[in-house]
């Protein structure tokens, strides 16, 4: 659920208003939280959420590298 909301926010959010670096930093925090949650919950949903967040974070990192 968290990942779906985050994806919708990123799509609706104008990236010019929020710097890519700030988005990457926010995603990094969310990945750390998801990793801690994954340690406790070993279900498919926690794995899927963590995977999606990591992909989004990597995408932002690639955009940072291009700049």
PDB file of N, CA and C in Angstrom:
ATOM      1  N   UNK A   1       0.826  -1.187   0.000  1.00  0.00           N
ATOM      2  CA  UNK A   1       0.000   0.000   0.000  1.00  0.00           C
ATOM      3  C   UNK A   1       0.874   1.255   0.000  1.00  0.00           C
ATOM      4  N   UNK A   2       1.905   1.246   0.836  1.00  0.00           N
ATOM      5  CA  UNK A   2       2.816   2.382   0.920  1.00  0.00           C
ATOM      6  C   UNK A   2       3.486   2.644  -0.423  1.00  0.00           C
ATOM      7  N   UNK A   3       3.868   1.578  -1.093  1.00  0.00           N
ATOM      8  CA  UNK A   3       4.552   1.730  -2.376  1.00  0.00           C
ATOM      9  C   UNK A   3       3.612   2.305  -3.426  1.00  0.00           C
ATOM     10  N   UNK A   4       2.372   1.883  -3.432  1.00  0.00           N
ATOM     11  CA  UNK A   4       1.391   2.384  -4.399  1.00  0.00           C
ATOM     12  C   UNK A   4       1.168   3.876  -4.189  1.00  0.00           C
ATOM     13  N   UNK A   5       1.045   4.289  -2.946  1.00  0.00           N
ATOM     14  CA  UNK A   5       0.855   5.704  -2.641  1.00  0.00           C
ATOM     15  C   UNK A   5       2.090   6.499  -3.064  1.00  0.00           C
ATOM     16  N   UNK A   6       3.272   5.946  -2.778  1.00  0.00           N
ATOM     17  CA  UNK A   6       4.509   6.629  -3.136  1.00  0.00           C
ATOM     18  C   UNK A   6       4.643   6.783  -4.644  1.00  0.00           C
ATOM     19  N   UNK A   7       4.313   5.756  -5.400  1.00  0.00           N
ATOM     20  CA  UNK A   7       4.395   5.821  -6.860  1.00  0.00           C
ATOM     21  C   UNK A   7       3.433   6.868  -7.401  1.00  0.00           C
ATOM     22  N   UNK A   8       2.217   6.907  -6.869  1.00  0.00           N
ATOM     23  CA  UNK A   8       1.245   7.906  -7.315  1.00  0.00           C
ATOM     24  C   UNK A   8       1.728   9.311  -7.001  1.00  0.00           C
ATOM     25  N   UNK A   9       2.324   9.488  -5.821  1.00  0.00           N
ATOM     26  CA  UNK A   9       2.829  10.811  -5.444  1.00  0.00           C
ATOM     27  C   UNK A   9       3.959  11.245  -6.365  1.00  0.00           C
ATOM     28  N   UNK A  10       4.849  10.323  -6.687  1.00  0.00           N
ATOM     29  CA  UNK A  10       5.967  10.667  -7.568  1.00  0.00           C
ATOM     30  C   UNK A  10       5.501  11.006  -8.976  1.00  0.00           C
ATOM     31  N   UNK A  11       4.476  10.313  -9.437  1.00  0.00           N
ATOM     32  CA  UNK A  11       3.956  10.600 -10.769  1.00  0.00           C
ATOM     33  C   UNK A  11       3.263  11.958 -10.794  1.00  0.00           C
ATOM     34  N   UNK A  12       2.510  12.259  -9.752  1.00  0.00           N
ATOM     35  CA  UNK A  12       1.768  13.512  -9.697  1.00  0.00           C
ATOM     36  C   UNK A  12       2.658  14.699  -9.318  1.00  0.00           C
ATOM     37  N   UNK A  13       3.739  14.406  -8.646  1.00  0.00           N
ATOM     38  CA  UNK A  13       4.623  15.462  -8.168  1.00  0.00           C
ATOM     39  C   UNK A  13       5.450  16.026  -9.310  1.00  0.00           C
ATOM     40  N   UNK A  14       5.548  17.308  -9.362  1.00  0.00           N
ATOM     41  CA  UNK A  14       6.382  17.947 -10.368  1.00  0.00           C
ATOM     42  C   UNK A  14       7.817  17.890  -9.878  1.00  0.00           C
ATOM     43  N   UNK A  15       8.677  17.172 -10.606  1.00  0.00           N
ATOM     44  CA  UNK A  15      10.047  16.975 -10.161  1.00  0.00           C
ATOM     45  C   UNK A  15      10.834  18.282 -10.104  1.00  0.00           C
ATOM     46  N   UNK A  16      10.346  19.316 -10.796  1.00  0.00           N
ATOM     47  CA  UNK A  16      11.038  20.590 -10.743  1.00  0.00           C
ATOM     48  C   UNK A  16      10.856  21.263  -9.392  1.00  0.00           C
ATOM     49  N   UNK A  17       9.743  20.974  -8.720  1.00  0.00           N
ATOM     50  CA  UNK A  17       9.494  21.570  -7.406  1.00  0.00           C
ATOM     51  C   UNK A  17      10.380  20.935  -6.337  1.00  0.00           C
ATOM     52  N   UNK A  18      10.562  19.649  -6.450  1.00  0.00           N
ATOM     53  CA  UNK A  18      11.348  18.922  -5.467  1.00  0.00           C
ATOM     54  C   UNK A  18      12.580  18.378  -6.159  1.00  0.00           C
ATOM     55  N   UNK A  19      13.709  18.698  -5.680  1.00  0.00           N
ATOM     56  CA  UNK A  19      14.941  18.268  -6.319  1.00  0.00           C
ATOM     57  C   UNK A  19      15.077  16.756  -6.273  1.00  0.00           C
ATOM     58  N   UNK A  20      15.740  16.225  -7.297  1.00  0.00           N
ATOM     59  CA  UNK A  20      15.932  14.784  -7.404  1.00  0.00           C
ATOM     60  C   UNK A  20      16.720  14.265  -6.200  1.00  0.00           C
ATOM     61  N   UNK A  21      17.646  15.057  -5.725  1.00  0.00           N
ATOM     62  CA  UNK A  21      18.444  14.643  -4.573  1.00  0.00           C
ATOM     63  C   UNK A  21      17.574  14.452  -3.338  1.00  0.00           C
ATOM     64  N   UNK A  22      16.606  15.335  -3.148  1.00  0.00           N
ATOM     65  CA  UNK A  22      15.702  15.218  -2.001  1.00  0.00           C
ATOM     66  C   UNK A  22      14.822  13.980  -2.133  1.00  0.00           C
ATOM     67  N   UNK A  23      14.377  13.701  -3.344  1.00  0.00           N
ATOM     68  CA  UNK A  23      13.557  12.510  -3.571  1.00  0.00           C
ATOM     69  C   UNK A  23      14.371  11.263  -3.267  1.00  0.00           C
ATOM     70  N   UNK A  24      15.624  11.245  -3.745  1.00  0.00           N
ATOM     71  CA  UNK A  24      16.497  10.100  -3.490  1.00  0.00           C
ATOM     72  C   UNK A  24      16.716   9.904  -1.989  1.00  0.00           C
ATOM     73  N   UNK A  25      16.927  11.003  -1.283  1.00  0.00           N
ATOM     74  CA  UNK A  25      17.140  10.931   0.167  1.00  0.00           C
ATOM     75  C   UNK A  25      15.908  10.383   0.873  1.00  0.00           C
ATOM     76  N   UNK A  26      14.736  10.834   0.451  1.00  0.00           N
ATOM     77  CA  UNK A  26      13.482  10.352   1.031  1.00  0.00           C
ATOM     78  C   UNK A  26      13.290   8.863   0.735  1.00  0.00           C
ATOM     79  N   UNK A  27      13.589   8.455  -0.488  1.00  0.00           N
ATOM     80  CA  UNK A  27      13.460   7.041  -0.840  1.00  0.00           C
ATOM     81  C   UNK A  27      14.444   6.185  -0.054  1.00  0.00           C
ATOM     82  N   UNK A  28      15.629   6.720   0.193  1.00  0.00           N
ATOM     83  CA  UNK A  28      16.624   5.991   0.966  1.00  0.00           C
ATOM     84  C   UNK A  28      16.109   5.704   2.372  1.00  0.00           C
ATOM     85  N   UNK A  29      15.457   6.708   2.981  1.00  0.00           N
ATOM     86  CA  UNK A  29      14.873   6.517   4.309  1.00  0.00           C
ATOM     87  C   UNK A  29      13.778   5.458   4.270  1.00  0.00           C
ATOM     88  N   UNK A  30      12.941   5.514   3.235  1.00  0.00           N
ATOM     89  CA  UNK A  30      11.845   4.556   3.129  1.00  0.00           C
ATOM     90  C   UNK A  30      12.360   3.135   2.874  1.00  0.00           C
ATOM     91  N   UNK A  31      13.455   3.015   2.129  1.00  0.00           N
ATOM     92  CA  UNK A  31      14.064   1.702   1.901  1.00  0.00           C
ATOM     93  C   UNK A  31      14.586   1.143   3.216  1.00  0.00           C
ATOM     94  N   UNK A  32      15.229   1.972   4.020  1.00  0.00           N
ATOM     95  CA  UNK A  32      15.731   1.506   5.315  1.00  0.00           C
ATOM     96  C   UNK A  32      14.597   1.024   6.209  1.00  0.00           C
ATOM     97  N   UNK A  33      13.490   1.744   6.211  1.00  0.00           N
ATOM     98  CA  UNK A  33      12.326   1.329   6.997  1.00  0.00           C
ATOM     99  C   UNK A  33      11.771   0.007   6.467  1.00  0.00           C
ATOM    100  N   UNK A  34      11.685  -0.107   5.140  1.00  0.00           N
ATOM    101  CA  UNK A  34      11.156  -1.325   4.533  1.00  0.00           C
ATOM    102  C   UNK A  34      12.073  -2.517   4.805  1.00  0.00           C
ATOM    103  N   UNK A  35      13.389  -2.289   4.852  1.00  0.00           N
ATOM    104  CA  UNK A  35      14.311  -3.380   5.164  1.00  0.00           C
ATOM    105  C   UNK A  35      14.127  -3.867   6.596  1.00  0.00           C
ATOM    106  N   UNK A  36      13.904  -2.936   7.507  1.00  0.00           N
ATOM    107  CA  UNK A  36      13.655  -3.329   8.896  1.00  0.00           C
ATOM    108  C   UNK A  36      12.344  -4.101   9.009  1.00  0.00           C
ATOM    109  N   UNK A  37      11.331  -3.647   8.276  1.00  0.00           N
ATOM    110  CA  UNK A  37      10.044  -4.342   8.277  1.00  0.00           C
ATOM    111  C   UNK A  37      10.193  -5.735   7.672  1.00  0.00           C
ATOM    112  N   UNK A  38      11.031  -5.834   6.641  1.00  0.00           N
ATOM    113  CA  UNK A  38      11.260  -7.115   5.967  1.00  0.00           C
ATOM    114  C   UNK A  38      11.924  -8.118   6.904  1.00  0.00           C
ATOM    115  N   UNK A  39      12.778  -7.631   7.807  1.00  0.00           N
ATOM    116  CA  UNK A  39      13.411  -8.521   8.779  1.00  0.00           C
ATOM    117  C   UNK A  39      12.377  -9.192   9.681  1.00  0.00           C
ATOM    118  N   UNK A  40      11.297  -8.463   9.961  1.00  0.00           N
ATOM    119  CA  UNK A  40      10.260  -9.001  10.836  1.00  0.00           C
ATOM    120  C   UNK A  40       9.216  -9.802  10.063  1.00  0.00           C
ATOM    121  N   UNK A  41       8.852  -9.299   8.898  1.00  0.00           N
ATOM    122  CA  UNK A  41       7.810  -9.938   8.093  1.00  0.00           C
ATOM    123  C   UNK A  41       8.437 -10.500   6.834  1.00  0.00           C
ATOM    124  N   UNK A  42       8.321 -11.783   6.640  1.00  0.00           N
ATOM    125  CA  UNK A  42       8.973 -12.444   5.520  1.00  0.00           C
ATOM    126  C   UNK A  42       7.992 -12.823   4.416  1.00  0.00           C
ATOM    127  N   UNK A  43       6.909 -12.099   4.316  1.00  0.00           N
ATOM    128  CA  UNK A  43       5.893 -12.392   3.319  1.00  0.00           C
ATOM    129  C   UNK A  43       6.225 -11.824   1.950  1.00  0.00           C
ATOM    130  N   UNK A  44       5.391 -12.163   1.013  1.00  0.00           N
ATOM    131  CA  UNK A  44       5.582 -11.734  -0.371  1.00  0.00           C
ATOM    132  C   UNK A  44       5.392 -10.219  -0.521  1.00  0.00           C
ATOM    133  N   UNK A  45       4.441  -9.668   0.203  1.00  0.00           N
ATOM    134  CA  UNK A  45       4.153  -8.237   0.075  1.00  0.00           C
ATOM    135  C   UNK A  45       5.322  -7.383   0.561  1.00  0.00           C
ATOM    136  N   UNK A  46       5.936  -7.771   1.683  1.00  0.00           N
ATOM    137  CA  UNK A  46       7.069  -6.988   2.180  1.00  0.00           C
ATOM    138  C   UNK A  46       8.237  -7.059   1.195  1.00  0.00           C
ATOM    139  N   UNK A  47       8.441  -8.205   0.580  1.00  0.00           N
ATOM    140  CA  UNK A  47       9.500  -8.349  -0.417  1.00  0.00           C
ATOM    141  C   UNK A  47       9.204  -7.492  -1.642  1.00  0.00           C
ATOM    142  N   UNK A  48       7.958  -7.493  -2.075  1.00  0.00           N
ATOM    143  CA  UNK A  48       7.555  -6.712  -3.243  1.00  0.00           C
ATOM    144  C   UNK A  48       7.693  -5.207  -2.986  1.00  0.00           C
ATOM    145  N   UNK A  49       7.284  -4.773  -1.811  1.00  0.00           N
ATOM    146  CA  UNK A  49       7.415  -3.355  -1.446  1.00  0.00           C
ATOM    147  C   UNK A  49       8.877  -2.929  -1.426  1.00  0.00           C
ATOM    148  N   UNK A  50       9.717  -3.740  -0.812  1.00  0.00           N
ATOM    149  CA  UNK A  50      11.136  -3.429  -0.726  1.00  0.00           C
ATOM    150  C   UNK A  50      11.766  -3.381  -2.117  1.00  0.00           C
ATOM    151  N   UNK A  51      11.421  -4.309  -2.943  1.00  0.00           N
ATOM    152  CA  UNK A  51      11.963  -4.365  -4.304  1.00  0.00           C
ATOM    153  C   UNK A  51      11.567  -3.132  -5.109  1.00  0.00           C
ATOM    154  N   UNK A  52      10.312  -2.739  -5.013  1.00  0.00           N
ATOM    155  CA  UNK A  52       9.826  -1.573  -5.746  1.00  0.00           C
ATOM    156  C   UNK A  52      10.504  -0.298  -5.259  1.00  0.00           C
ATOM    157  N   UNK A  53      10.635  -0.158  -3.944  1.00  0.00           N
ATOM    158  CA  UNK A  53      11.301   1.022  -3.398  1.00  0.00           C
ATOM    159  C   UNK A  53      12.758   1.098  -3.838  1.00  0.00           C
ATOM    160  N   UNK A  54      13.434  -0.043  -3.848  1.00  0.00           N
ATOM    161  CA  UNK A  54      14.829  -0.056  -4.278  1.00  0.00           C
ATOM    162  C   UNK A  54      14.964   0.318  -5.750  1.00  0.00           C
ATOM    163  N   UNK A  55      14.028  -0.120  -6.570  1.00  0.00           N
ATOM    164  CA  UNK A  55      14.060   0.237  -7.987  1.00  0.00           C
ATOM    165  C   UNK A  55      13.844   1.730  -8.178  1.00  0.00           C
ATOM    166  N   UNK A  56      12.910   2.308  -7.425  1.00  0.00           N
ATOM    167  CA  UNK A  56      12.665   3.742  -7.505  1.00  0.00           C
ATOM    168  C   UNK A  56      13.891   4.529  -7.050  1.00  0.00           C
ATOM    169  N   UNK A  57      14.515   4.064  -5.975  1.00  0.00           N
ATOM    170  CA  UNK A  57      15.709   4.737  -5.458  1.00  0.00           C
ATOM    171  C   UNK A  57      16.844   4.674  -6.479  1.00  0.00           C
ATOM    172  N   UNK A  58      17.020   3.532  -7.105  1.00  0.00           N
ATOM    173  CA  UNK A  58      18.058   3.383  -8.113  1.00  0.00           C
ATOM    174  C   UNK A  58      17.785   4.271  -9.322  1.00  0.00           C
ATOM    175  N   UNK A  59      16.524   4.402  -9.686  1.00  0.00           N
ATOM    176  CA  UNK A  59      16.140   5.277 -10.791  1.00  0.00           C
ATOM    177  C   UNK A  59      16.509   6.729 -10.487  1.00  0.00           C
ATOM    178  N   UNK A  60      16.254   7.170  -9.259  1.00  0.00           N
ATOM    179  CA  UNK A  60      16.607   8.529  -8.868  1.00  0.00           C
ATOM    180  C   UNK A  60      18.123   8.703  -8.823  1.00  0.00           C
ATOM    181  N   UNK A  61      18.831   7.668  -8.410  1.00  0.00           N
ATOM    182  CA  UNK A  61      20.288   7.738  -8.372  1.00  0.00           C
ATOM    183  C   UNK A  61      20.855   7.883  -9.788  1.00  0.00           C
ATOM    184  N   UNK A  62      20.260   7.176 -10.748  1.00  0.00           N
ATOM    185  CA  UNK A  62      20.679   7.296 -12.140  1.00  0.00           C
ATOM    186  C   UNK A  62      20.431   8.699 -12.663  1.00  0.00           C
ATOM    187  N   UNK A  63      19.295   9.290 -12.286  1.00  0.00           N
ATOM    188  CA  UNK A  63      19.001  10.663 -12.714  1.00  0.00           C
ATOM    189  C   UNK A  63      20.005  11.647 -12.103  1.00  0.00           C
ATOM    190  N   UNK A  64      20.407  11.390 -10.866  1.00  0.00           N
ATOM    191  CA  UNK A  64      21.410  12.235 -10.231  1.00  0.00           C
ATOM    192  C   UNK A  64      22.750  12.131 -10.955  1.00  0.00           C
ATOM    193  N   UNK A  65      23.092  10.930 -11.367  1.00  0.00           N
ATOM    194  CA  UNK A  65      24.372  10.710 -12.053  1.00  0.00           C
ATOM    195  C   UNK A  65      24.385  11.406 -13.417  1.00  0.00           C
ATOM    196  N   UNK A  66      23.231  11.489 -14.069  1.00  0.00           N
ATOM    197  CA  UNK A  66      23.154  12.144 -15.367  1.00  0.00           C
ATOM    198  C   UNK A  66      23.360  13.644 -15.251  1.00  0.00           C
ATOM    199  N   UNK A  67      22.913  14.212 -14.116  1.00  0.00           N
ATOM    200  CA  UNK A  67      23.079  15.655 -13.894  1.00  0.00           C
ATOM    201  C   UNK A  67      24.486  15.919 -13.548  1.00  0.00           C
TER     202      UNK A  67
END
